[in-house]
Amino acid sequence: MTNTLDPRPMRSAPAAFILWLLCFAGLCGLHRFYLGRPWTGLLWLLTFGLLGIGQLIDLFLIPSMLREGALESRIDRMERERALSRG
């Protein structure tokens, strides 16, 4: 069941990894903006992915960031459904 009122849509893993690859074009941190982390995305953008170290670490962290976002979205949806059923 898809809820069109969901404020946090599900994120795509291929899209996140493609945005991660843009670091090779000098645009580091775009994957963090996409995954809902604007402050660290800005930090990555201004420091070239923490001089490449943070960008490399993010290659392994993207799957967990995607899972965390999906979990938060499910929790929000369950809370909204519970609030609607109560009244």
PDB file of N, CA and C in Angstrom:
ATOM      1  N   MET A   1       0.841  -1.175   0.000  1.00  0.00           N
ATOM      2  CA  MET A   1       0.000   0.000   0.000  1.00  0.00           C
ATOM      3  C   MET A   1       0.885   1.236   0.000  1.00  0.00           C
ATOM      4  N   THR A   2       0.728   2.115  -0.970  1.00  0.00           N
ATOM      5  CA  THR A   2       1.524   3.319  -1.084  1.00  0.00           C
ATOM      6  C   THR A   2       0.697   4.513  -0.639  1.00  0.00           C
ATOM      7  N   ASN A   3       1.259   5.302   0.228  1.00  0.00           N
ATOM      8  CA  ASN A   3       0.584   6.485   0.726  1.00  0.00           C
ATOM      9  C   ASN A   3       1.157   7.699   0.015  1.00  0.00           C
ATOM     10  N   THR A   4       0.330   8.430  -0.699  1.00  0.00           N
ATOM     11  CA  THR A   4       0.809   9.586  -1.448  1.00  0.00           C
ATOM     12  C   THR A   4       1.087  10.769  -0.545  1.00  0.00           C
ATOM     13  N   LEU A   5       0.638  10.722   0.708  1.00  0.00           N
ATOM     14  CA  LEU A   5       0.874  11.820   1.633  1.00  0.00           C
ATOM     15  C   LEU A   5       2.157  11.631   2.437  1.00  0.00           C
ATOM     16  N   ASP A   6       2.928  10.602   2.137  1.00  0.00           N
ATOM     17  CA  ASP A   6       4.156  10.324   2.867  1.00  0.00           C
ATOM     18  C   ASP A   6       5.167  11.436   2.612  1.00  0.00           C
ATOM     19  N   PRO A   7       5.594  12.168   3.664  1.00  0.00           N
ATOM     20  CA  PRO A   7       6.539  13.266   3.457  1.00  0.00           C
ATOM     21  C   PRO A   7       7.938  12.800   3.087  1.00  0.00           C
ATOM     22  N   ARG A   8       8.268  11.533   3.384  1.00  0.00           N
ATOM     23  CA  ARG A   8       9.586  10.997   3.065  1.00  0.00           C
ATOM     24  C   ARG A   8       9.438   9.828   2.110  1.00  0.00           C
ATOM     25  N   PRO A   9       9.545  10.077   0.823  1.00  0.00           N
ATOM     26  CA  PRO A   9       9.407   8.968  -0.122  1.00  0.00           C
ATOM     27  C   PRO A   9      10.587   8.014   0.003  1.00  0.00           C
ATOM     28  N   MET A  10      10.368   6.784  -0.429  1.00  0.00           N
ATOM     29  CA  MET A  10      11.439   5.790  -0.403  1.00  0.00           C
ATOM     30  C   MET A  10      12.557   6.236  -1.345  1.00  0.00           C
ATOM     31  N   ARG A  11      13.765   6.061  -0.924  1.00  0.00           N
ATOM     32  CA  ARG A  11      14.927   6.448  -1.722  1.00  0.00           C
ATOM     33  C   ARG A  11      15.446   5.250  -2.498  1.00  0.00           C
ATOM     34  N   SER A  12      16.019   5.535  -3.637  1.00  0.00           N
ATOM     35  CA  SER A  12      16.534   4.499  -4.522  1.00  0.00           C
ATOM     36  C   SER A  12      18.033   4.305  -4.286  1.00  0.00           C
ATOM     37  N   ALA A  13      18.445   3.057  -4.090  1.00  0.00           N
ATOM     38  CA  ALA A  13      19.865   2.760  -3.900  1.00  0.00           C
ATOM     39  C   ALA A  13      20.687   3.096  -5.149  1.00  0.00           C
ATOM     40  N   PRO A  14      20.233   2.719  -6.351  1.00  0.00           N
ATOM     41  CA  PRO A  14      21.034   3.087  -7.535  1.00  0.00           C
ATOM     42  C   PRO A  14      21.208   4.603  -7.682  1.00  0.00           C
ATOM     43  N   ALA A  15      20.164   5.360  -7.374  1.00  0.00           N
ATOM     44  CA  ALA A  15      20.277   6.817  -7.474  1.00  0.00           C
ATOM     45  C   ALA A  15      21.284   7.354  -6.459  1.00  0.00           C
ATOM     46  N   ALA A  16      21.268   6.808  -5.247  1.00  0.00           N
ATOM     47  CA  ALA A  16      22.211   7.254  -4.215  1.00  0.00           C
ATOM     48  C   ALA A  16      23.655   6.954  -4.642  1.00  0.00           C
ATOM     49  N   PHE A  17      23.883   5.771  -5.209  1.00  0.00           N
ATOM     50  CA  PHE A  17      25.241   5.429  -5.635  1.00  0.00           C
ATOM     51  C   PHE A  17      25.678   6.249  -6.856  1.00  0.00           C
ATOM     52  N   ILE A  18      24.752   6.577  -7.745  1.00  0.00           N
ATOM     53  CA  ILE A  18      25.102   7.439  -8.884  1.00  0.00           C
ATOM     54  C   ILE A  18      25.486   8.819  -8.389  1.00  0.00           C
ATOM     55  N   LEU A  19      24.740   9.343  -7.421  1.00  0.00           N
ATOM     56  CA  LEU A  19      25.098  10.645  -6.844  1.00  0.00           C
ATOM     57  C   LEU A  19      26.439  10.563  -6.123  1.00  0.00           C
ATOM     58  N   TRP A  20      26.716   9.435  -5.496  1.00  0.00           N
ATOM     59  CA  TRP A  20      28.019   9.250  -4.844  1.00  0.00           C
ATOM     60  C   TRP A  20      29.135   9.311  -5.885  1.00  0.00           C
ATOM     61  N   LEU A  21      28.897   8.719  -7.064  1.00  0.00           N
ATOM     62  CA  LEU A  21      29.916   8.708  -8.119  1.00  0.00           C
ATOM     63  C   LEU A  21      30.250  10.099  -8.646  1.00  0.00           C
ATOM     64  N   LEU A  22      29.342  11.055  -8.457  1.00  0.00           N
ATOM     65  CA  LEU A  22      29.607  12.409  -8.935  1.00  0.00           C
ATOM     66  C   LEU A  22      30.764  13.078  -8.194  1.00  0.00           C
ATOM     67  N   CYS A  23      31.268  12.419  -7.138  1.00  0.00           N
ATOM     68  CA  CYS A  23      32.439  12.966  -6.453  1.00  0.00           C
ATOM     69  C   CYS A  23      33.634  13.006  -7.400  1.00  0.00           C
ATOM     70  N   PHE A  24      33.659  12.105  -8.372  1.00  0.00           N
ATOM     71  CA  PHE A  24      34.768  12.104  -9.323  1.00  0.00           C
ATOM     72  C   PHE A  24      34.695  13.281 -10.286  1.00  0.00           C
ATOM     73  N   ALA A  25      33.536  13.957 -10.320  1.00  0.00           N
ATOM     74  CA  ALA A  25      33.392  15.176 -11.114  1.00  0.00           C
ATOM     75  C   ALA A  25      33.518  16.412 -10.227  1.00  0.00           C
ATOM     76  N   GLY A  26      33.871  16.215  -8.946  1.00  0.00           N
ATOM     77  CA  GLY A  26      34.055  17.332  -8.032  1.00  0.00           C
ATOM     78  C   GLY A  26      32.815  17.720  -7.249  1.00  0.00           C
ATOM     79  N   LEU A  27      31.750  16.944  -7.360  1.00  0.00           N
ATOM     80  CA  LEU A  27      30.507  17.259  -6.649  1.00  0.00           C
ATOM     81  C   LEU A  27      30.283  16.246  -5.529  1.00  0.00           C
ATOM     82  N   CYS A  28      31.050  16.350  -4.491  1.00  0.00           N
ATOM     83  CA  CYS A  28      30.948  15.418  -3.374  1.00  0.00           C
ATOM     84  C   CYS A  28      29.780  15.809  -2.474  1.00  0.00           C
ATOM     85  N   GLY A  29      29.136  14.809  -1.896  1.00  0.00           N
ATOM     86  CA  GLY A  29      28.093  15.047  -0.919  1.00  0.00           C
ATOM     87  C   GLY A  29      26.675  15.105  -1.449  1.00  0.00           C
ATOM     88  N   LEU A  30      26.486  15.018  -2.749  1.00  0.00           N
ATOM     89  CA  LEU A  30      25.126  15.085  -3.286  1.00  0.00           C
ATOM     90  C   LEU A  30      24.278  13.913  -2.819  1.00  0.00           C
ATOM     91  N   HIS A  31      24.888  12.766  -2.599  1.00  0.00           N
ATOM     92  CA  HIS A  31      24.149  11.611  -2.095  1.00  0.00           C
ATOM     93  C   HIS A  31      23.610  11.884  -0.699  1.00  0.00           C
ATOM     94  N   ARG A  32      24.315  12.677   0.098  1.00  0.00           N
ATOM     95  CA  ARG A  32      23.844  13.002   1.444  1.00  0.00           C
ATOM     96  C   ARG A  32      22.632  13.924   1.387  1.00  0.00           C
ATOM     97  N   PHE A  33      22.614  14.871   0.459  1.00  0.00           N
ATOM     98  CA  PHE A  33      21.414  15.708   0.280  1.00  0.00           C
ATOM     99  C   PHE A  33      20.233  14.815  -0.092  1.00  0.00           C
ATOM    100  N   TYR A  34      20.446  13.908  -1.012  1.00  0.00           N
ATOM    101  CA  TYR A  34      19.397  13.001  -1.482  1.00  0.00           C
ATOM    102  C   TYR A  34      18.863  12.123  -0.353  1.00  0.00           C
ATOM    103  N   LEU A  35      19.738  11.710   0.554  1.00  0.00           N
ATOM    104  CA  LEU A  35      19.348  10.823   1.641  1.00  0.00           C
ATOM    105  C   LEU A  35      18.847  11.576   2.870  1.00  0.00           C
ATOM    106  N   GLY A  36      18.656  12.890   2.748  1.00  0.00           N
ATOM    107  CA  GLY A  36      18.059  13.664   3.826  1.00  0.00           C
ATOM    108  C   GLY A  36      19.034  14.149   4.876  1.00  0.00           C
ATOM    109  N   ARG A  37      20.274  14.308   4.523  1.00  0.00           N
ATOM    110  CA  ARG A  37      21.285  14.802   5.456  1.00  0.00           C
ATOM    111  C   ARG A  37      21.923  16.070   4.881  1.00  0.00           C
ATOM    112  N   PRO A  38      21.179  17.184   4.900  1.00  0.00           N
ATOM    113  CA  PRO A  38      21.663  18.389   4.218  1.00  0.00           C
ATOM    114  C   PRO A  38      22.899  19.027   4.858  1.00  0.00           C
ATOM    115  N   TRP A  39      23.035  18.986   6.178  1.00  0.00           N
ATOM    116  CA  TRP A  39      24.179  19.645   6.814  1.00  0.00           C
ATOM    117  C   TRP A  39      25.482  18.918   6.512  1.00  0.00           C
ATOM    118  N   THR A  40      25.463  17.603   6.609  1.00  0.00           N
ATOM    119  CA  THR A  40      26.684  16.878   6.264  1.00  0.00           C
ATOM    120  C   THR A  40      26.901  16.883   4.750  1.00  0.00           C
ATOM    121  N   GLY A  41      25.836  16.973   3.989  1.00  0.00           N
ATOM    122  CA  GLY A  41      25.982  17.111   2.541  1.00  0.00           C
ATOM    123  C   GLY A  41      26.716  18.397   2.185  1.00  0.00           C
ATOM    124  N   LEU A  42      26.369  19.473   2.881  1.00  0.00           N
ATOM    125  CA  LEU A  42      27.046  20.756   2.653  1.00  0.00           C
ATOM    126  C   LEU A  42      28.511  20.666   3.077  1.00  0.00           C
ATOM    127  N   LEU A  43      28.760  20.015   4.209  1.00  0.00           N
ATOM    128  CA  LEU A  43      30.139  19.831   4.669  1.00  0.00           C
ATOM    129  C   LEU A  43      30.939  19.035   3.645  1.00  0.00           C
ATOM    130  N   TRP A  44      30.364  17.953   3.139  1.00  0.00           N
ATOM    131  CA  TRP A  44      31.048  17.129   2.131  1.00  0.00           C
ATOM    132  C   TRP A  44      31.298  17.951   0.860  1.00  0.00           C
ATOM    133  N   LEU A  45      30.309  18.764   0.478  1.00  0.00           N
ATOM    134  CA  LEU A  45      30.434  19.566  -0.736  1.00  0.00           C
ATOM    135  C   LEU A  45      31.563  20.591  -0.617  1.00  0.00           C
ATOM    136  N   LEU A  46      31.680  21.206   0.553  1.00  0.00           N
ATOM    137  CA  LEU A  46      32.685  22.255   0.749  1.00  0.00           C
ATOM    138  C   LEU A  46      34.089  21.713   1.011  1.00  0.00           C
ATOM    139  N   THR A  47      34.187  20.471   1.468  1.00  0.00           N
ATOM    140  CA  THR A  47      35.497  19.901   1.804  1.00  0.00           C
ATOM    141  C   THR A  47      35.891  18.747   0.881  1.00  0.00           C
ATOM    142  N   PHE A  48      35.206  18.633  -0.249  1.00  0.00           N
ATOM    143  CA  PHE A  48      35.459  17.556  -1.205  1.00  0.00           C
ATOM    144  C   PHE A  48      35.363  16.192  -0.526  1.00  0.00           C
ATOM    145  N   GLY A  49      34.273  16.007   0.195  1.00  0.00           N
ATOM    146  CA  GLY A  49      34.034  14.719   0.853  1.00  0.00           C
ATOM    147  C   GLY A  49      35.008  14.453   1.978  1.00  0.00           C
ATOM    148  N   LEU A  50      35.285  15.502   2.764  1.00  0.00           N
ATOM    149  CA  LEU A  50      36.294  15.403   3.838  1.00  0.00           C
ATOM    150  C   LEU A  50      37.608  14.880   3.264  1.00  0.00           C
ATOM    151  N   LEU A  51      38.013  15.537   2.188  1.00  0.00           N
ATOM    152  CA  LEU A  51      39.239  15.207   1.458  1.00  0.00           C
ATOM    153  C   LEU A  51      39.240  13.778   0.924  1.00  0.00           C
ATOM    154  N   GLY A  52      38.048  13.307   0.596  1.00  0.00           N
ATOM    155  CA  GLY A  52      37.910  11.993  -0.017  1.00  0.00           C
ATOM    156  C   GLY A  52      37.724  10.864   0.980  1.00  0.00           C
ATOM    157  N   ILE A  53      38.136  11.081   2.228  1.00  0.00           N
ATOM    158  CA  ILE A  53      38.032  10.014   3.229  1.00  0.00           C
ATOM    159  C   ILE A  53      36.570   9.757   3.579  1.00  0.00           C
ATOM    160  N   GLY A  54      35.827  10.815   3.861  1.00  0.00           N
ATOM    161  CA  GLY A  54      34.404  10.668   4.181  1.00  0.00           C
ATOM    162  C   GLY A  54      33.618  10.119   3.007  1.00  0.00           C
ATOM    163  N   GLN A  55      33.998  10.549   1.827  1.00  0.00           N
ATOM    164  CA  GLN A  55      33.325  10.065   0.622  1.00  0.00           C
ATOM    165  C   GLN A  55      33.528   8.561   0.461  1.00  0.00           C
ATOM    166  N   LEU A  56      34.734   8.095   0.705  1.00  0.00           N
ATOM    167  CA  LEU A  56      35.027   6.659   0.603  1.00  0.00           C
ATOM    168  C   LEU A  56      34.272   5.868   1.677  1.00  0.00           C
ATOM    169  N   ILE A  57      34.236   6.378   2.890  1.00  0.00           N
ATOM    170  CA  ILE A  57      33.504   5.709   3.970  1.00  0.00           C
ATOM    171  C   ILE A  57      32.014   5.638   3.634  1.00  0.00           C
ATOM    172  N   ASP A  58      31.485   6.701   3.021  1.00  0.00           N
ATOM    173  CA  ASP A  58      30.067   6.721   2.661  1.00  0.00           C
ATOM    174  C   ASP A  58      29.696   5.642   1.657  1.00  0.00           C
ATOM    175  N   LEU A  59      30.645   5.206   0.876  1.00  0.00           N
ATOM    176  CA  LEU A  59      30.373   4.116  -0.064  1.00  0.00           C
ATOM    177  C   LEU A  59      29.831   2.896   0.686  1.00  0.00           C
ATOM    178  N   PHE A  60      30.334   2.665   1.892  1.00  0.00           N
ATOM    179  CA  PHE A  60      29.887   1.532   2.698  1.00  0.00           C
ATOM    180  C   PHE A  60      28.710   1.885   3.611  1.00  0.00           C
ATOM    181  N   LEU A  61      28.495   3.183   3.863  1.00  0.00           N
ATOM    182  CA  LEU A  61      27.409   3.614   4.743  1.00  0.00           C
ATOM    183  C   LEU A  61      26.084   3.858   4.019  1.00  0.00           C
ATOM    184  N   ILE A  62      26.096   4.006   2.717  1.00  0.00           N
ATOM    185  CA  ILE A  62      24.871   4.301   1.968  1.00  0.00           C
ATOM    186  C   ILE A  62      23.784   3.255   2.216  1.00  0.00           C
ATOM    187  N   PRO A  63      24.076   1.949   2.202  1.00  0.00           N
ATOM    188  CA  PRO A  63      22.998   0.981   2.479  1.00  0.00           C
ATOM    189  C   PRO A  63      22.337   1.191   3.843  1.00  0.00           C
ATOM    190  N   SER A  64      23.122   1.491   4.870  1.00  0.00           N
ATOM    191  CA  SER A  64      22.522   1.699   6.191  1.00  0.00           C
ATOM    192  C   SER A  64      21.742   3.011   6.235  1.00  0.00           C
ATOM    193  N   MET A  65      22.189   4.025   5.501  1.00  0.00           N
ATOM    194  CA  MET A  65      21.437   5.280   5.435  1.00  0.00           C
ATOM    195  C   MET A  65      20.083   5.053   4.758  1.00  0.00           C
ATOM    196  N   LEU A  66      20.067   4.218   3.733  1.00  0.00           N
ATOM    197  CA  LEU A  66      18.812   3.890   3.046  1.00  0.00           C
ATOM    198  C   LEU A  66      17.867   3.128   3.975  1.00  0.00           C
ATOM    199  N   ARG A  67      18.403   2.143   4.708  1.00  0.00           N
ATOM    200  CA  ARG A  67      17.572   1.379   5.654  1.00  0.00           C
ATOM    201  C   ARG A  67      17.016   2.276   6.748  1.00  0.00           C
ATOM    202  N   GLU A  68      17.835   3.170   7.262  1.00  0.00           N
ATOM    203  CA  GLU A  68      17.392   4.081   8.317  1.00  0.00           C
ATOM    204  C   GLU A  68      16.263   4.979   7.817  1.00  0.00           C
ATOM    205  N   GLY A  69      16.393   5.501   6.611  1.00  0.00           N
ATOM    206  CA  GLY A  69      15.347   6.338   6.039  1.00  0.00           C
ATOM    207  C   GLY A  69      14.054   5.583   5.822  1.00  0.00           C
ATOM    208  N   ALA A  70      14.158   4.335   5.362  1.00  0.00           N
ATOM    209  CA  ALA A  70      12.965   3.514   5.154  1.00  0.00           C
ATOM    210  C   ALA A  70      12.278   3.211   6.480  1.00  0.00           C
ATOM    211  N   LEU A  71      13.074   2.947   7.514  1.00  0.00           N
ATOM    212  CA  LEU A  71      12.513   2.666   8.834  1.00  0.00           C
ATOM    213  C   LEU A  71      11.797   3.892   9.397  1.00  0.00           C
ATOM    214  N   GLU A  72      12.409   5.065   9.273  1.00  0.00           N
ATOM    215  CA  GLU A  72      11.774   6.295   9.747  1.00  0.00           C
ATOM    216  C   GLU A  72      10.465   6.558   9.007  1.00  0.00           C
ATOM    217  N   SER A  73      10.465   6.285   7.725  1.00  0.00           N
ATOM    218  CA  SER A  73       9.252   6.478   6.934  1.00  0.00           C
ATOM    219  C   SER A  73       8.139   5.544   7.393  1.00  0.00           C
ATOM    220  N   ARG A  74       8.478   4.276   7.663  1.00  0.00           N
ATOM    221  CA  ARG A  74       7.478   3.321   8.142  1.00  0.00           C
ATOM    222  C   ARG A  74       6.943   3.705   9.515  1.00  0.00           C
ATOM    223  N   ILE A  75       7.813   4.170  10.394  1.00  0.00           N
ATOM    224  CA  ILE A  75       7.374   4.591  11.727  1.00  0.00           C
ATOM    225  C   ILE A  75       6.431   5.779  11.625  1.00  0.00           C
ATOM    226  N   ASP A  76       6.771   6.766  10.794  1.00  0.00           N
ATOM    227  CA  ASP A  76       5.893   7.919  10.600  1.00  0.00           C
ATOM    228  C   ASP A  76       4.531   7.496  10.068  1.00  0.00           C
ATOM    229  N   ARG A  77       4.537   6.575   9.108  1.00  0.00           N
ATOM    230  CA  ARG A  77       3.277   6.107   8.525  1.00  0.00           C
ATOM    231  C   ARG A  77       2.429   5.392   9.578  1.00  0.00           C
ATOM    232  N   MET A  78       3.054   4.566  10.411  1.00  0.00           N
ATOM    233  CA  MET A  78       2.319   3.865  11.462  1.00  0.00           C
ATOM    234  C   MET A  78       1.746   4.843  12.491  1.00  0.00           C
ATOM    235  N   GLU A  79       2.506   5.878  12.842  1.00  0.00           N
ATOM    236  CA  GLU A  79       2.010   6.875  13.793  1.00  0.00           C
ATOM    237  C   GLU A  79       0.832   7.648  13.222  1.00  0.00           C
ATOM    238  N   ARG A  80       0.896   7.991  11.925  1.00  0.00           N
ATOM    239  CA  ARG A  80      -0.230   8.701  11.296  1.00  0.00           C
ATOM    240  C   ARG A  80      -1.468   7.818  11.263  1.00  0.00           C
ATOM    241  N   GLU A  81      -1.293   6.533  10.921  1.00  0.00           N
ATOM    242  CA  GLU A  81      -2.442   5.615  10.870  1.00  0.00           C
ATOM    243  C   GLU A  81      -3.043   5.433  12.265  1.00  0.00           C
ATOM    244  N   ARG A  82      -2.221   5.362  13.292  1.00  0.00           N
ATOM    245  CA  ARG A  82      -2.723   5.225  14.648  1.00  0.00           C
ATOM    246  C   ARG A  82      -3.484   6.483  15.066  1.00  0.00           C
ATOM    247  N   ALA A  83      -2.969   7.652  14.705  1.00  0.00           N
ATOM    248  CA  ALA A  83      -3.655   8.904  15.047  1.00  0.00           C
ATOM    249  C   ALA A  83      -4.991   9.008  14.334  1.00  0.00           C
ATOM    250  N   LEU A  84      -5.060   8.543  13.069  1.00  0.00           N
ATOM    251  CA  LEU A  84      -6.317   8.593  12.329  1.00  0.00           C
ATOM    252  C   LEU A  84      -7.338   7.611  12.892  1.00  0.00           C
ATOM    253  N   SER A  85      -6.881   6.467  13.360  1.00  0.00           N
ATOM    254  CA  SER A  85      -7.817   5.474  13.891  1.00  0.00           C
ATOM    255  C   SER A  85      -8.372   5.882  15.265  1.00  0.00           C
ATOM    256  N   ARG A  86      -7.625   6.692  15.986  1.00  0.00           N
ATOM    257  CA  ARG A  86      -8.088   7.138  17.303  1.00  0.00           C
ATOM    258  C   ARG A  86      -9.078   8.277  17.208  1.00  0.00           C
ATOM    259  N   GLY A  87      -8.998   9.003  16.165  1.00  0.00           N
ATOM    260  CA  GLY A  87      -9.986  10.041  16.175  1.00  0.00           C
ATOM    261  C   GLY A  87      -9.884  11.092  15.223  1.00  0.00           C
TER     262      GLY A  87
END
